[in-house]
């Protein structure tokens, strides 16, 4: 994910919008990601009521969630064989 510093928003708006049209862009403040800018199409896909997908960063998962994810992936893998 591309990152732009909050201080660069004024001078690099065009670059930021161009990057956000391709994939989400993180806006950092004090070198930490604080906000995300993305296309409206991507946002609507994420917030659509029928869409049950959720986005996570692997580092944010608890051990139980990570174990559940791995178990589900293993189950899905054996079902396709």
C-alpha atoms as a PDB file:
ATOM      1  CA  UNK A   1       0.000   0.000   0.000  1.00  0.00           C
ATOM      2  CA  UNK A   2       1.382   3.368  -0.940  1.00  0.00           C
ATOM      3  CA  UNK A   3       1.736   5.915   1.823  1.00  0.00           C
ATOM      4  CA  UNK A   4       1.615   9.704   1.804  1.00  0.00           C
ATOM      5  CA  UNK A   5       2.446  11.915   4.759  1.00  0.00           C
ATOM      6  CA  UNK A   6      -0.384  14.203   5.872  1.00  0.00           C
ATOM      7  CA  UNK A   7       1.974  17.146   5.345  1.00  0.00           C
ATOM      8  CA  UNK A   8       2.312  16.203   1.654  1.00  0.00           C
ATOM      9  CA  UNK A   9      -1.417  16.265   0.906  1.00  0.00           C
ATOM     10  CA  UNK A  10      -1.474  19.812  -0.412  1.00  0.00           C
ATOM     11  CA  UNK A  11       1.483  19.470  -2.757  1.00  0.00           C
ATOM     12  CA  UNK A  12       0.878  15.906  -3.932  1.00  0.00           C
ATOM     13  CA  UNK A  13      -2.906  15.733  -4.249  1.00  0.00           C
ATOM     14  CA  UNK A  14      -2.747  14.634  -7.887  1.00  0.00           C
ATOM     15  CA  UNK A  15      -0.291  11.840  -7.116  1.00  0.00           C
ATOM     16  CA  UNK A  16      -2.384  10.701  -4.163  1.00  0.00           C
ATOM     17  CA  UNK A  17      -5.631  10.593  -6.163  1.00  0.00           C
ATOM     18  CA  UNK A  18      -3.928   8.753  -9.010  1.00  0.00           C
ATOM     19  CA  UNK A  19      -2.538   6.147  -6.601  1.00  0.00           C
ATOM     20  CA  UNK A  20      -5.913   5.811  -4.815  1.00  0.00           C
ATOM     21  CA  UNK A  21      -7.637   5.087  -8.119  1.00  0.00           C
ATOM     22  CA  UNK A  22      -5.509   1.916  -8.392  1.00  0.00           C
ATOM     23  CA  UNK A  23      -5.493   0.735  -4.767  1.00  0.00           C
ATOM     24  CA  UNK A  24      -6.065   2.119  -1.251  1.00  0.00           C
ATOM     25  CA  UNK A  25      -3.515   4.677  -0.053  1.00  0.00           C
ATOM     26  CA  UNK A  26      -2.479   5.193   3.575  1.00  0.00           C
ATOM     27  CA  UNK A  27      -2.186   8.728   4.933  1.00  0.00           C
ATOM     28  CA  UNK A  28       0.408   8.844   7.677  1.00  0.00           C
ATOM     29  CA  UNK A  29       0.812  11.216  10.560  1.00  0.00           C
ATOM     30  CA  UNK A  30       4.032  11.043  12.554  1.00  0.00           C
ATOM     31  CA  UNK A  31       4.999   8.089  10.327  1.00  0.00           C
ATOM     32  CA  UNK A  32       2.029   6.000  11.461  1.00  0.00           C
ATOM     33  CA  UNK A  33      -0.860   5.132   9.115  1.00  0.00           C
ATOM     34  CA  UNK A  34      -3.936   7.062  10.283  1.00  0.00           C
ATOM     35  CA  UNK A  35      -6.337   7.208   7.314  1.00  0.00           C
ATOM     36  CA  UNK A  36      -7.028   5.393   4.065  1.00  0.00           C
ATOM     37  CA  UNK A  37      -8.129   6.947   0.797  1.00  0.00           C
ATOM     38  CA  UNK A  38      -9.651   4.680  -1.860  1.00  0.00           C
ATOM     39  CA  UNK A  39     -11.879   4.877  -4.900  1.00  0.00           C
ATOM     40  CA  UNK A  40     -15.605   5.190  -4.305  1.00  0.00           C
ATOM     41  CA  UNK A  41     -16.143   1.908  -6.174  1.00  0.00           C
ATOM     42  CA  UNK A  42     -13.831   0.060  -3.787  1.00  0.00           C
ATOM     43  CA  UNK A  43     -15.459   1.717  -0.762  1.00  0.00           C
ATOM     44  CA  UNK A  44     -18.937   0.758  -1.960  1.00  0.00           C
ATOM     45  CA  UNK A  45     -17.788  -2.823  -2.501  1.00  0.00           C
ATOM     46  CA  UNK A  46     -16.475  -2.941   1.064  1.00  0.00           C
ATOM     47  CA  UNK A  47     -19.596  -1.425   2.621  1.00  0.00           C
ATOM     48  CA  UNK A  48     -22.271  -3.141   0.511  1.00  0.00           C
ATOM     49  CA  UNK A  49     -24.787  -4.833   2.802  1.00  0.00           C
ATOM     50  CA  UNK A  50     -24.661  -8.185   0.996  1.00  0.00           C
ATOM     51  CA  UNK A  51     -20.881  -8.335   1.057  1.00  0.00           C
ATOM     52  CA  UNK A  52     -19.698 -10.401   4.025  1.00  0.00           C
ATOM     53  CA  UNK A  53     -15.997  -9.943   3.284  1.00  0.00           C
ATOM     54  CA  UNK A  54     -13.892  -8.073   5.812  1.00  0.00           C
ATOM     55  CA  UNK A  55     -10.369  -6.750   5.498  1.00  0.00           C
ATOM     56  CA  UNK A  56      -7.742  -7.485   8.141  1.00  0.00           C
ATOM     57  CA  UNK A  57      -4.036  -7.116   8.498  1.00  0.00           C
ATOM     58  CA  UNK A  58      -2.539 -10.448   9.508  1.00  0.00           C
ATOM     59  CA  UNK A  59      -0.622  -8.779  12.334  1.00  0.00           C
ATOM     60  CA  UNK A  60      -3.928  -7.577  13.835  1.00  0.00           C
ATOM     61  CA  UNK A  61      -5.421 -11.067  14.210  1.00  0.00           C
ATOM     62  CA  UNK A  62      -5.522 -12.695  17.610  1.00  0.00           C
ATOM     63  CA  UNK A  63      -4.079 -16.205  17.919  1.00  0.00           C
ATOM     64  CA  UNK A  64      -7.605 -17.668  17.971  1.00  0.00           C
ATOM     65  CA  UNK A  65      -8.578 -15.737  14.833  1.00  0.00           C
ATOM     66  CA  UNK A  66      -5.377 -16.792  13.057  1.00  0.00           C
ATOM     67  CA  UNK A  67      -5.982 -20.446  14.013  1.00  0.00           C
ATOM     68  CA  UNK A  68      -9.567 -20.221  12.769  1.00  0.00           C
ATOM     69  CA  UNK A  69      -8.406 -18.702   9.482  1.00  0.00           C
ATOM     70  CA  UNK A  70      -5.793 -21.411   8.931  1.00  0.00           C
ATOM     71  CA  UNK A  71      -8.312 -24.128   9.796  1.00  0.00           C
ATOM     72  CA  UNK A  72     -10.814 -22.686   7.328  1.00  0.00           C
ATOM     73  CA  UNK A  73      -8.194 -22.468   4.600  1.00  0.00           C
ATOM     74  CA  UNK A  74      -7.151 -26.068   5.224  1.00  0.00           C
ATOM     75  CA  UNK A  75     -10.775 -27.222   5.089  1.00  0.00           C
ATOM     76  CA  UNK A  76     -11.418 -25.327   1.854  1.00  0.00           C
ATOM     77  CA  UNK A  77      -8.224 -26.776   0.376  1.00  0.00           C
ATOM     78  CA  UNK A  78      -9.248 -30.367   1.107  1.00  0.00           C
ATOM     79  CA  UNK A  79     -12.726 -29.762  -0.339  1.00  0.00           C
ATOM     80  CA  UNK A  80     -11.308 -28.735  -3.726  1.00  0.00           C
ATOM     81  CA  UNK A  81      -9.048 -31.781  -4.059  1.00  0.00           C
END
